[in-house]
N, C-alpha and C. Protein backbone atom coordinates (compact mmCIF):
# COMPACT_ATOMS: atom_id res chain seq x y z
N MET A 1 0.79 -1.19 -0.06
CA MET A 1 0.06 0.09 0.12
C MET A 1 0.93 1.23 -0.02
N PRO A 2 0.77 2.26 -0.92
CA PRO A 2 1.59 3.39 -1.16
C PRO A 2 1.40 4.42 0.19
N SER A 3 0.47 4.34 0.78
CA SER A 3 0.21 5.20 1.89
C SER A 3 -0.81 4.61 2.82
N PRO A 4 -0.88 5.17 4.07
CA PRO A 4 -1.85 4.69 5.10
C PRO A 4 -3.27 4.78 4.77
N PRO A 5 -4.14 4.12 5.07
CA PRO A 5 -5.50 4.16 4.62
C PRO A 5 -6.28 5.17 5.53
N GLU A 6 -7.22 6.07 4.75
CA GLU A 6 -7.90 7.04 5.50
C GLU A 6 -9.38 6.57 5.64
N ASP A 7 -9.82 5.74 4.73
CA ASP A 7 -11.26 5.52 4.80
C ASP A 7 -11.44 4.08 3.95
N ILE A 8 -12.34 3.26 4.21
CA ILE A 8 -12.53 1.87 3.72
C ILE A 8 -14.05 1.57 3.49
N THR A 9 -14.22 0.85 2.46
CA THR A 9 -15.69 0.45 2.24
C THR A 9 -15.50 -0.82 1.52
N GLN A 10 -16.59 -1.79 1.62
CA GLN A 10 -16.61 -3.11 0.90
C GLN A 10 -17.79 -3.13 0.15
N THR A 11 -17.78 -3.55 -1.14
CA THR A 11 -18.83 -3.69 -2.04
C THR A 11 -19.37 -5.18 -2.13
N LYS A 12 -20.45 -5.47 -2.62
CA LYS A 12 -21.14 -6.78 -2.57
C LYS A 12 -20.28 -7.96 -3.21
N ASP A 13 -19.37 -7.58 -4.11
CA ASP A 13 -18.53 -8.63 -4.86
C ASP A 13 -17.38 -9.05 -3.98
N GLY A 14 -17.21 -8.34 -2.69
CA GLY A 14 -16.21 -8.63 -1.90
C GLY A 14 -14.92 -7.79 -1.95
N TYR A 15 -14.92 -6.98 -2.92
CA TYR A 15 -13.65 -5.99 -2.99
C TYR A 15 -13.71 -5.07 -1.92
N LEU A 16 -12.58 -4.59 -1.32
CA LEU A 16 -12.36 -3.44 -0.47
C LEU A 16 -11.85 -2.26 -1.18
N TRP A 17 -12.51 -1.19 -0.98
CA TRP A 17 -12.25 0.16 -1.69
C TRP A 17 -11.48 1.16 -0.62
N ILE A 18 -10.23 1.64 -0.72
CA ILE A 18 -9.47 2.14 0.16
C ILE A 18 -9.17 3.63 -0.24
N GLU A 19 -9.39 4.56 0.65
CA GLU A 19 -9.02 5.85 0.33
C GLU A 19 -7.74 6.02 0.87
N THR A 20 -6.68 6.58 0.23
CA THR A 20 -5.40 6.99 0.69
C THR A 20 -5.10 8.24 0.22
N ASP A 21 -4.04 8.75 0.83
CA ASP A 21 -3.44 10.03 0.22
C ASP A 21 -2.76 9.99 -1.30
N ALA A 22 -2.61 8.88 -1.58
CA ALA A 22 -2.03 8.42 -3.01
C ALA A 22 -3.12 8.23 -3.95
N GLY A 23 -4.33 8.24 -3.51
CA GLY A 23 -5.45 7.88 -4.40
C GLY A 23 -6.31 6.77 -4.01
N LEU A 24 -7.13 6.29 -4.74
CA LEU A 24 -8.02 5.25 -4.54
C LEU A 24 -7.45 3.99 -4.94
N LEU A 25 -7.66 2.99 -4.07
CA LEU A 25 -7.06 1.68 -4.17
C LEU A 25 -8.24 0.53 -4.17
N ARG A 26 -8.23 -0.52 -4.79
CA ARG A 26 -9.05 -1.60 -4.71
C ARG A 26 -8.29 -2.82 -4.30
N PHE A 27 -8.73 -3.58 -3.29
CA PHE A 27 -8.14 -4.92 -2.77
C PHE A 27 -9.09 -6.02 -2.98
N ASP A 28 -8.45 -6.97 -3.70
CA ASP A 28 -9.16 -8.28 -3.99
C ASP A 28 -8.89 -9.41 -3.13
N GLY A 29 -8.20 -9.32 -2.20
CA GLY A 29 -7.85 -10.27 -1.22
C GLY A 29 -6.23 -10.57 -1.20
N VAL A 30 -5.83 -10.22 -2.50
CA VAL A 30 -4.47 -10.45 -2.72
C VAL A 30 -3.52 -9.37 -3.18
N ARG A 31 -4.26 -8.43 -3.91
CA ARG A 31 -3.47 -7.37 -4.43
C ARG A 31 -4.03 -6.06 -4.19
N PHE A 32 -3.34 -4.98 -3.91
CA PHE A 32 -3.82 -3.59 -4.03
C PHE A 32 -3.60 -3.03 -5.43
N VAL A 33 -4.71 -2.67 -5.96
CA VAL A 33 -4.69 -2.25 -7.61
C VAL A 33 -5.22 -0.72 -7.35
N PRO A 34 -4.29 0.26 -8.00
CA PRO A 34 -4.62 1.62 -7.91
C PRO A 34 -5.87 1.90 -8.97
N TRP A 35 -6.70 2.79 -8.78
CA TRP A 35 -7.61 3.20 -9.61
C TRP A 35 -6.99 3.62 -11.13
N ASP A 36 -7.67 2.85 -12.19
CA ASP A 36 -7.06 2.85 -13.61
C ASP A 36 -7.89 4.05 -14.26
N SER A 37 -7.41 5.19 -14.32
CA SER A 37 -8.08 6.34 -14.94
C SER A 37 -8.24 6.02 -16.46
N ALA A 38 -7.24 5.41 -16.97
CA ALA A 38 -7.06 5.37 -18.60
C ALA A 38 -8.22 4.23 -18.93
N ASN A 39 -8.44 3.25 -18.11
CA ASN A 39 -9.48 2.24 -18.56
C ASN A 39 -10.93 2.45 -17.95
N ASN A 40 -10.95 2.91 -16.66
CA ASN A 40 -12.17 2.96 -15.85
C ASN A 40 -12.75 4.54 -15.94
N GLY A 41 -12.03 5.41 -16.36
CA GLY A 41 -12.62 6.80 -16.44
C GLY A 41 -11.85 7.65 -15.39
N GLN A 42 -11.94 8.93 -15.57
CA GLN A 42 -11.30 9.89 -14.78
C GLN A 42 -12.17 10.25 -13.61
N LEU A 43 -11.74 10.12 -12.48
CA LEU A 43 -12.29 10.62 -11.29
C LEU A 43 -12.33 12.03 -11.29
N PRO A 44 -13.26 12.87 -10.52
CA PRO A 44 -13.29 14.34 -10.48
C PRO A 44 -12.07 14.89 -9.87
N ASP A 45 -11.27 14.07 -8.96
CA ASP A 45 -10.10 14.48 -8.43
C ASP A 45 -9.41 13.22 -7.75
N TYR A 46 -8.26 13.24 -7.73
CA TYR A 46 -7.26 12.27 -7.25
C TYR A 46 -7.40 12.06 -5.64
N GLN A 47 -7.68 13.39 -5.03
CA GLN A 47 -7.86 13.31 -3.58
C GLN A 47 -9.33 12.76 -3.25
N ILE A 48 -9.34 11.61 -2.75
CA ILE A 48 -10.56 10.90 -2.23
C ILE A 48 -10.72 11.31 -0.84
N LEU A 49 -12.00 11.72 -0.56
CA LEU A 49 -12.44 12.10 0.89
C LEU A 49 -13.43 11.03 1.30
N SER A 50 -14.07 10.48 0.76
CA SER A 50 -15.20 9.61 1.41
C SER A 50 -15.72 8.45 0.61
N LEU A 51 -15.98 7.35 1.04
CA LEU A 51 -16.38 6.27 0.21
C LEU A 51 -17.69 5.61 0.84
N LEU A 52 -18.39 4.92 -0.06
CA LEU A 52 -19.52 4.13 0.49
C LEU A 52 -19.74 3.01 -0.61
N GLY A 53 -19.89 1.73 -0.04
CA GLY A 53 -20.48 0.53 -0.83
C GLY A 53 -21.87 0.54 -0.60
N ALA A 54 -22.71 0.78 -1.91
CA ALA A 54 -24.02 0.90 -1.61
C ALA A 54 -24.63 -0.56 -1.87
N SER A 55 -25.97 -0.50 -1.50
CA SER A 55 -26.69 -1.81 -1.35
C SER A 55 -26.89 -2.53 -2.83
N ASP A 56 -26.68 -1.87 -3.77
CA ASP A 56 -26.76 -2.53 -5.15
C ASP A 56 -25.44 -2.84 -5.71
N GLY A 57 -24.44 -2.80 -4.72
CA GLY A 57 -23.01 -3.14 -5.04
C GLY A 57 -22.05 -2.19 -5.66
N SER A 58 -22.65 -0.95 -5.95
CA SER A 58 -21.76 0.11 -6.66
C SER A 58 -20.92 0.78 -5.54
N PRO A 59 -19.69 1.24 -5.73
CA PRO A 59 -18.97 2.22 -4.96
C PRO A 59 -19.19 3.50 -5.21
N TRP A 60 -19.48 4.16 -4.22
CA TRP A 60 -19.68 5.72 -4.51
C TRP A 60 -18.35 6.48 -3.89
N ILE A 61 -17.78 7.22 -4.65
CA ILE A 61 -16.46 7.92 -4.28
C ILE A 61 -16.73 9.59 -4.27
N GLY A 62 -16.13 10.05 -3.04
CA GLY A 62 -16.32 11.46 -2.95
C GLY A 62 -14.88 11.96 -3.11
N THR A 63 -14.86 13.02 -3.75
CA THR A 63 -13.39 13.64 -3.89
C THR A 63 -13.44 15.09 -3.52
N ALA A 64 -12.41 15.70 -3.68
CA ALA A 64 -12.12 17.02 -3.18
C ALA A 64 -12.75 17.88 -4.20
N HIS A 65 -13.24 17.45 -5.43
CA HIS A 65 -13.87 18.39 -6.37
C HIS A 65 -15.06 17.46 -7.11
N GLY A 66 -15.72 16.78 -6.30
CA GLY A 66 -17.06 16.06 -6.95
C GLY A 66 -17.27 14.76 -6.49
N LEU A 67 -18.25 13.96 -7.03
CA LEU A 67 -18.70 12.76 -6.74
C LEU A 67 -18.84 11.93 -8.07
N ALA A 68 -18.44 10.62 -7.75
CA ALA A 68 -18.44 9.61 -8.78
C ALA A 68 -19.06 8.38 -8.21
N CYS A 69 -19.65 7.51 -9.10
CA CYS A 69 -20.26 6.15 -8.91
C CYS A 69 -19.79 5.32 -9.94
N TRP A 70 -19.23 4.20 -9.59
CA TRP A 70 -18.65 3.03 -10.58
C TRP A 70 -19.80 1.96 -10.47
N LYS A 71 -20.48 1.83 -11.52
CA LYS A 71 -21.57 0.70 -11.68
C LYS A 71 -21.60 0.16 -12.98
N ALA A 72 -21.67 -1.22 -13.08
CA ALA A 72 -21.62 -1.80 -14.37
C ALA A 72 -20.54 -1.44 -15.36
N GLN A 73 -19.40 -1.44 -14.70
CA GLN A 73 -18.16 -1.04 -15.36
C GLN A 73 -18.32 0.22 -16.12
N THR A 74 -19.07 1.25 -15.52
CA THR A 74 -19.18 2.59 -16.02
C THR A 74 -19.14 3.64 -14.95
N LEU A 75 -18.26 4.69 -15.06
CA LEU A 75 -18.03 5.71 -14.10
C LEU A 75 -19.15 6.88 -14.44
N THR A 76 -19.85 7.10 -13.42
CA THR A 76 -20.81 8.18 -13.64
C THR A 76 -20.07 9.34 -12.66
N THR A 77 -20.06 10.63 -13.20
CA THR A 77 -19.68 11.58 -12.37
C THR A 77 -20.77 12.66 -12.39
N TYR A 78 -20.87 13.47 -11.33
CA TYR A 78 -21.95 14.41 -11.21
C TYR A 78 -21.47 15.83 -11.28
N LYS A 79 -21.51 16.30 -12.63
CA LYS A 79 -20.87 17.64 -12.92
C LYS A 79 -21.55 18.82 -12.37
N GLU A 80 -22.64 18.59 -11.80
CA GLU A 80 -23.39 19.73 -11.23
C GLU A 80 -23.19 19.88 -9.75
N MET A 81 -22.24 19.06 -9.36
CA MET A 81 -21.84 19.16 -7.87
C MET A 81 -20.32 18.96 -7.80
N PRO A 82 -19.54 20.19 -8.16
CA PRO A 82 -18.23 19.92 -8.20
C PRO A 82 -17.56 20.36 -6.82
N ASP A 83 -18.13 19.90 -5.84
CA ASP A 83 -17.71 20.27 -4.55
C ASP A 83 -16.85 19.35 -3.73
N LEU A 84 -16.47 19.73 -2.52
CA LEU A 84 -15.78 18.72 -1.72
C LEU A 84 -16.80 17.98 -1.02
N ILE A 85 -16.69 16.61 -1.24
CA ILE A 85 -17.67 15.70 -0.87
C ILE A 85 -17.08 15.02 0.55
N ASN A 86 -17.61 15.36 1.59
CA ASN A 86 -17.03 14.90 2.84
C ASN A 86 -17.56 13.54 3.34
N ALA A 87 -18.71 13.19 3.01
CA ALA A 87 -19.29 12.03 3.65
C ALA A 87 -20.36 11.53 2.57
N ILE A 88 -20.64 10.35 2.76
CA ILE A 88 -21.82 9.67 1.89
C ILE A 88 -22.53 8.52 2.49
N ALA A 89 -23.73 8.55 2.58
CA ALA A 89 -24.65 7.54 3.19
C ALA A 89 -25.77 7.10 2.44
N GLU A 90 -26.38 5.93 2.70
CA GLU A 90 -27.44 5.34 1.99
C GLU A 90 -28.62 5.27 3.06
N ASP A 91 -29.92 5.61 2.58
CA ASP A 91 -30.90 5.35 3.56
C ASP A 91 -31.66 3.99 3.10
N ARG A 92 -32.85 3.67 3.92
CA ARG A 92 -33.40 2.33 3.54
C ARG A 92 -34.15 2.13 2.33
N GLU A 93 -34.39 3.26 1.59
CA GLU A 93 -35.07 3.27 0.28
C GLU A 93 -34.00 3.12 -0.78
N GLY A 94 -32.63 3.13 -0.49
CA GLY A 94 -31.54 3.07 -1.38
C GLY A 94 -31.15 4.56 -1.96
N ASN A 95 -31.67 5.54 -1.53
CA ASN A 95 -31.34 6.89 -1.88
C ASN A 95 -29.88 7.24 -1.40
N ILE A 96 -29.09 7.90 -2.06
CA ILE A 96 -27.75 8.21 -1.66
C ILE A 96 -27.72 9.71 -1.14
N TRP A 97 -27.24 9.96 -0.01
CA TRP A 97 -27.04 11.21 0.67
C TRP A 97 -25.50 11.70 0.73
N ILE A 98 -25.33 12.99 0.37
CA ILE A 98 -24.10 13.40 0.43
C ILE A 98 -23.89 14.59 1.30
N GLU A 99 -22.72 14.73 2.07
CA GLU A 99 -22.45 16.00 2.67
C GLU A 99 -21.39 16.78 1.97
N ARG A 100 -21.41 18.07 1.81
CA ARG A 100 -20.62 18.75 0.81
C ARG A 100 -20.29 19.97 1.72
N SER A 101 -19.11 20.67 1.23
CA SER A 101 -18.68 22.10 1.61
C SER A 101 -17.85 22.60 0.50
N GLN A 102 -17.44 23.78 0.66
CA GLN A 102 -16.76 24.72 -0.24
C GLN A 102 -17.54 24.61 -1.65
N PHE A 103 -18.89 24.95 -1.39
CA PHE A 103 -19.86 25.05 -2.71
C PHE A 103 -19.98 26.37 -2.91
N GLU A 104 -20.63 26.80 -4.05
CA GLU A 104 -20.69 28.20 -4.37
C GLU A 104 -22.22 28.60 -4.51
N ASP A 105 -23.05 27.53 -4.62
CA ASP A 105 -24.46 27.69 -4.74
C ASP A 105 -25.20 27.72 -3.45
N THR A 106 -26.35 28.28 -3.57
CA THR A 106 -27.12 28.24 -2.24
C THR A 106 -28.18 27.17 -1.90
N ARG A 107 -27.88 25.95 -2.33
CA ARG A 107 -28.66 24.79 -2.40
C ARG A 107 -28.58 24.15 -1.04
N GLY A 108 -27.53 24.33 -0.19
CA GLY A 108 -27.54 23.57 1.04
C GLY A 108 -26.30 22.61 1.15
N PRO A 109 -26.06 22.19 2.26
CA PRO A 109 -24.93 21.23 2.43
C PRO A 109 -25.31 19.74 2.30
N LEU A 110 -26.59 19.44 2.50
CA LEU A 110 -26.98 17.98 2.42
C LEU A 110 -27.78 17.75 1.06
N CYS A 111 -27.27 16.82 0.39
CA CYS A 111 -27.94 16.53 -0.92
C CYS A 111 -28.26 14.96 -1.12
N ARG A 112 -29.39 14.70 -2.00
CA ARG A 112 -29.87 13.34 -2.06
C ARG A 112 -29.98 13.05 -3.70
N ILE A 113 -29.37 11.93 -3.76
CA ILE A 113 -29.46 11.25 -5.21
C ILE A 113 -30.56 10.20 -5.18
N SER A 114 -31.58 10.47 -5.81
CA SER A 114 -32.64 9.30 -5.81
C SER A 114 -33.06 9.13 -7.28
N LYS A 115 -32.86 7.76 -7.84
CA LYS A 115 -32.96 7.52 -9.22
C LYS A 115 -32.37 8.46 -10.08
N GLY A 116 -31.20 8.78 -9.91
CA GLY A 116 -30.41 9.64 -10.80
C GLY A 116 -30.62 11.28 -10.80
N HIS A 117 -31.62 11.64 -9.79
CA HIS A 117 -31.97 12.90 -9.60
C HIS A 117 -31.36 13.46 -8.42
N LEU A 118 -30.78 14.73 -8.52
CA LEU A 118 -30.14 15.46 -7.40
C LEU A 118 -31.01 16.42 -6.80
N ARG A 119 -31.09 16.45 -5.54
CA ARG A 119 -31.84 17.47 -4.73
C ARG A 119 -30.99 17.91 -3.47
N CYS A 120 -30.76 19.18 -3.24
CA CYS A 120 -30.11 19.53 -1.89
C CYS A 120 -30.90 20.27 -1.05
N PHE A 121 -30.64 20.08 0.44
CA PHE A 121 -31.31 20.69 1.32
C PHE A 121 -30.53 21.86 2.17
N GLY A 122 -30.97 22.98 2.37
CA GLY A 122 -30.31 23.84 3.20
C GLY A 122 -31.23 24.55 4.18
N ARG A 123 -31.00 25.90 4.41
CA ARG A 123 -31.95 26.68 5.24
C ARG A 123 -33.37 26.44 5.13
N ASP A 124 -33.73 26.50 3.90
CA ASP A 124 -35.22 26.47 3.58
C ASP A 124 -35.88 25.16 4.20
N ALA A 125 -34.99 23.96 4.17
CA ALA A 125 -35.42 22.68 4.59
C ALA A 125 -35.25 22.42 6.15
N GLY A 126 -34.53 23.33 6.75
CA GLY A 126 -34.54 23.29 8.15
C GLY A 126 -33.02 22.98 8.58
N ILE A 127 -32.08 23.11 7.60
CA ILE A 127 -30.61 22.79 8.04
C ILE A 127 -29.96 24.24 7.95
N PRO A 128 -29.49 24.63 9.06
CA PRO A 128 -28.84 26.08 9.07
C PRO A 128 -27.53 26.02 8.87
N LEU A 129 -26.84 24.86 8.71
CA LEU A 129 -25.33 24.93 8.49
C LEU A 129 -25.00 25.32 7.17
N PRO A 130 -23.75 26.26 6.99
CA PRO A 130 -23.54 26.66 5.72
C PRO A 130 -22.82 25.60 5.06
N SER A 131 -22.12 24.75 5.60
CA SER A 131 -21.45 23.52 5.08
C SER A 131 -21.37 22.39 5.97
N ALA A 132 -21.08 21.23 5.51
CA ALA A 132 -21.27 20.02 6.32
C ALA A 132 -20.13 18.92 6.10
N THR A 133 -19.70 18.42 6.99
CA THR A 133 -18.65 17.40 7.00
C THR A 133 -18.86 15.91 7.32
N GLY A 134 -20.03 15.60 7.80
CA GLY A 134 -20.52 14.17 8.02
C GLY A 134 -21.86 14.10 8.19
N VAL A 135 -22.36 12.87 7.74
CA VAL A 135 -23.87 12.45 7.74
C VAL A 135 -23.77 11.07 8.41
N ALA A 136 -24.80 10.72 9.16
CA ALA A 136 -25.32 9.31 9.57
C ALA A 136 -26.78 9.32 9.67
N ILE A 137 -27.26 8.09 9.36
CA ILE A 137 -28.77 7.99 9.61
C ILE A 137 -28.94 6.91 10.54
N ASP A 138 -29.95 7.24 11.56
CA ASP A 138 -30.14 6.25 12.79
C ASP A 138 -31.34 5.20 12.34
N SER A 139 -31.56 4.35 13.16
CA SER A 139 -32.73 3.38 12.80
C SER A 139 -33.94 3.88 12.90
N SER A 140 -34.35 5.24 13.37
CA SER A 140 -35.39 5.85 13.15
C SER A 140 -35.60 6.71 11.88
N GLY A 141 -34.62 6.76 11.18
CA GLY A 141 -34.46 7.57 9.83
C GLY A 141 -34.23 8.89 10.19
N ASN A 142 -33.57 9.24 11.34
CA ASN A 142 -33.19 10.72 11.60
C ASN A 142 -31.82 10.79 10.95
N PHE A 143 -31.71 12.06 10.31
CA PHE A 143 -30.27 12.25 9.73
C PHE A 143 -29.57 13.16 10.92
N TRP A 144 -28.35 12.68 11.04
CA TRP A 144 -27.33 13.49 11.91
C TRP A 144 -26.26 14.15 10.99
N VAL A 145 -26.36 15.47 10.97
CA VAL A 145 -25.55 16.38 9.99
C VAL A 145 -24.61 17.04 10.80
N SER A 146 -23.19 16.77 10.50
CA SER A 146 -22.20 17.57 11.24
C SER A 146 -21.54 18.69 10.46
N GLY A 147 -20.84 19.60 11.24
CA GLY A 147 -20.23 20.55 10.51
C GLY A 147 -19.37 21.41 11.65
N ASN A 148 -18.45 22.24 10.94
CA ASN A 148 -17.72 23.03 12.10
C ASN A 148 -18.74 24.00 12.83
N GLU A 149 -19.77 24.32 12.16
CA GLU A 149 -20.61 25.39 12.86
C GLU A 149 -21.89 24.54 13.88
N GLY A 150 -21.87 23.32 13.83
CA GLY A 150 -22.86 22.78 14.74
C GLY A 150 -23.26 21.18 14.24
N LEU A 151 -23.78 20.51 15.03
CA LEU A 151 -24.30 19.08 14.67
C LEU A 151 -25.75 19.17 14.78
N CYS A 152 -26.37 18.84 13.77
CA CYS A 152 -28.00 18.83 13.80
C CYS A 152 -28.59 17.56 13.51
N LYS A 153 -29.64 17.20 14.13
CA LYS A 153 -30.55 16.17 14.09
C LYS A 153 -31.62 16.69 13.03
N TRP A 154 -31.83 15.90 11.91
CA TRP A 154 -32.72 16.42 10.82
C TRP A 154 -33.76 15.41 10.46
N LYS A 155 -35.00 15.64 10.20
CA LYS A 155 -35.84 14.71 9.51
C LYS A 155 -37.05 15.50 9.16
N ALA A 156 -37.32 15.49 7.80
CA ALA A 156 -38.63 16.10 7.28
C ALA A 156 -38.58 17.68 7.76
N GLY A 157 -37.62 18.24 7.77
CA GLY A 157 -37.49 19.77 7.96
C GLY A 157 -37.54 20.10 9.43
N PHE A 158 -37.47 19.28 10.52
CA PHE A 158 -37.50 19.53 11.77
C PHE A 158 -36.04 19.32 12.47
N PRO A 159 -35.38 20.39 12.43
CA PRO A 159 -33.94 20.27 13.06
C PRO A 159 -33.77 20.53 14.44
N SER A 160 -32.87 20.04 15.01
CA SER A 160 -32.37 20.36 16.39
C SER A 160 -30.75 20.46 16.39
N CYS A 161 -30.18 21.44 16.68
CA CYS A 161 -28.88 21.61 16.48
C CYS A 161 -28.12 21.84 17.70
N GLY A 162 -26.88 21.52 17.84
CA GLY A 162 -25.97 21.77 18.96
C GLY A 162 -24.47 22.10 18.62
N SER A 163 -23.49 21.68 19.46
CA SER A 163 -22.19 22.05 19.25
C SER A 163 -21.58 21.37 18.03
N PRO A 164 -20.55 22.04 17.49
CA PRO A 164 -19.77 21.47 16.33
C PRO A 164 -19.26 20.18 16.48
N ALA A 165 -19.16 19.51 15.37
CA ALA A 165 -18.33 18.10 15.25
C ALA A 165 -17.99 18.11 13.76
N THR A 166 -16.84 17.67 13.53
CA THR A 166 -16.40 17.47 11.97
C THR A 166 -16.65 16.26 11.33
N ARG A 167 -16.63 14.96 12.31
CA ARG A 167 -17.05 13.82 11.41
C ARG A 167 -17.88 13.09 12.70
N ILE A 168 -18.87 12.22 12.22
CA ILE A 168 -19.73 11.45 13.16
C ILE A 168 -19.74 10.03 12.51
N LEU A 169 -20.11 8.96 13.54
CA LEU A 169 -20.31 7.69 13.32
C LEU A 169 -21.49 7.23 14.24
N LEU A 170 -22.25 6.29 13.65
CA LEU A 170 -23.40 5.75 14.49
C LEU A 170 -22.99 4.37 14.68
N ILE A 171 -22.67 3.94 16.00
CA ILE A 171 -22.45 2.50 16.36
C ILE A 171 -23.44 1.97 17.39
N SER A 172 -24.32 1.12 17.07
CA SER A 172 -25.21 0.53 17.90
C SER A 172 -25.91 1.67 18.73
N GLU A 173 -26.46 2.64 17.92
CA GLU A 173 -27.22 3.80 18.34
C GLU A 173 -26.43 4.64 19.42
N GLU A 174 -25.20 4.53 19.18
CA GLU A 174 -24.34 5.55 19.90
C GLU A 174 -23.73 6.63 18.85
N LEU A 175 -23.90 7.73 19.19
CA LEU A 175 -23.23 8.77 18.30
C LEU A 175 -21.74 8.87 18.78
N TRP A 176 -20.97 8.79 17.84
CA TRP A 176 -19.50 9.12 17.98
C TRP A 176 -19.13 10.23 17.22
N SER A 177 -18.59 11.30 17.78
CA SER A 177 -18.28 12.59 17.12
C SER A 177 -17.02 12.99 17.21
N HIS A 178 -16.47 13.87 16.16
CA HIS A 178 -14.98 14.20 16.17
C HIS A 178 -15.08 15.67 16.56
N PRO A 179 -14.64 16.13 17.54
CA PRO A 179 -14.58 17.67 17.71
C PRO A 179 -13.63 18.28 16.67
N PRO A 180 -14.05 19.71 16.40
CA PRO A 180 -13.28 20.28 15.44
C PRO A 180 -11.92 20.45 15.85
N GLY A 181 -11.04 20.40 14.97
CA GLY A 181 -9.51 20.80 15.15
C GLY A 181 -8.75 19.41 15.56
N SER A 182 -9.55 18.26 15.85
CA SER A 182 -8.87 17.11 16.10
C SER A 182 -8.41 16.26 14.91
N ASN A 183 -7.61 15.27 15.08
CA ASN A 183 -7.06 14.45 13.99
C ASN A 183 -8.20 13.39 13.85
N ARG A 184 -7.99 12.73 12.55
CA ARG A 184 -9.22 11.62 12.46
C ARG A 184 -8.48 10.23 12.95
N ARG A 185 -7.99 10.44 14.28
CA ARG A 185 -7.64 9.07 14.83
C ARG A 185 -8.73 8.64 15.68
N PRO A 186 -8.94 7.19 15.88
CA PRO A 186 -10.02 6.53 16.65
C PRO A 186 -10.07 7.12 18.06
N ALA A 187 -9.01 7.42 18.53
CA ALA A 187 -8.81 8.07 19.95
C ALA A 187 -9.71 9.41 20.20
N ASP A 188 -9.71 10.20 19.10
CA ASP A 188 -10.12 11.53 19.19
C ASP A 188 -11.75 11.56 19.04
N TYR A 189 -12.36 10.37 18.87
CA TYR A 189 -13.74 10.34 18.71
C TYR A 189 -14.44 10.27 20.32
N GLU A 190 -15.67 11.14 20.43
CA GLU A 190 -16.28 11.10 21.74
C GLU A 190 -17.43 10.24 21.38
N SER A 191 -18.08 9.68 22.36
CA SER A 191 -19.23 8.81 22.33
C SER A 191 -20.31 9.38 23.13
N ALA A 192 -21.60 9.06 22.84
CA ALA A 192 -22.86 9.33 23.83
C ALA A 192 -23.97 8.58 23.08
N ALA A 193 -24.93 8.17 24.15
CA ALA A 193 -26.18 7.51 23.60
C ALA A 193 -26.91 8.61 22.89
N LEU A 194 -27.74 8.20 21.75
CA LEU A 194 -28.43 9.17 21.09
C LEU A 194 -29.55 9.87 21.86
N PRO A 195 -29.51 11.31 21.77
CA PRO A 195 -30.56 11.98 22.65
C PRO A 195 -31.81 12.24 21.70
N THR A 196 -32.94 12.64 22.41
CA THR A 196 -34.13 13.01 21.80
C THR A 196 -33.86 14.50 21.13
N GLU A 197 -33.30 15.28 21.73
CA GLU A 197 -32.84 16.53 21.52
C GLU A 197 -31.34 16.86 21.61
N LEU A 198 -30.88 17.97 21.16
CA LEU A 198 -29.45 18.30 21.05
C LEU A 198 -29.03 19.33 22.10
N GLY A 199 -29.70 19.64 22.99
CA GLY A 199 -29.50 20.66 24.05
C GLY A 199 -28.24 20.29 24.91
N TRP A 200 -28.15 18.80 25.14
CA TRP A 200 -27.07 18.43 25.76
C TRP A 200 -25.62 18.51 25.06
N LEU A 201 -25.71 18.89 23.84
CA LEU A 201 -24.33 19.26 23.06
C LEU A 201 -24.00 20.59 23.16
N ARG A 202 -24.87 21.55 23.69
CA ARG A 202 -24.52 23.08 23.58
C ARG A 202 -23.42 23.34 24.71
N SER A 203 -22.72 24.08 24.21
CA SER A 203 -21.37 24.55 25.11
C SER A 203 -22.03 25.64 26.05
């Protein structure tokens, strides 16, 4: 492996897809194979920031300048979203959700791709964050949206927001958050049981 892994996901065919500072790798159980732009297509950017192995078997790839999906030996890129893609998640209906930052439009930091159609959610939908760095979906269908300006619980336009967090994970209905300014080491994550509201997070 040319550099340490930053993120990892597995697709239904058994391959591991690995984010590194040197680019995207695929591991078949024997070899680490770099992404082949000449044969597979050009990713929006060589810097990989987020990965998701979707339920249909396709890997989704978030980069520093956009989003891509590799499906049926075809690379699809989303030119209408040339942004920094910080996190990717999938809901129970198979919709893909993206957290983005450093965007110039006013559509909002949380975006959904459903049947090939893109829609973003921002202040008008109840998400006050100007940019977002992480997303997780709990068993009740609530979205946990993190950013340097706050951490929000959001569903159908009813937000509850608290203190900032740069990256989040949900593990057995516990919320693990990364405080701003910390490194992406496991030891930097802080955990707490999922609350009903986010007043407990306010400083």
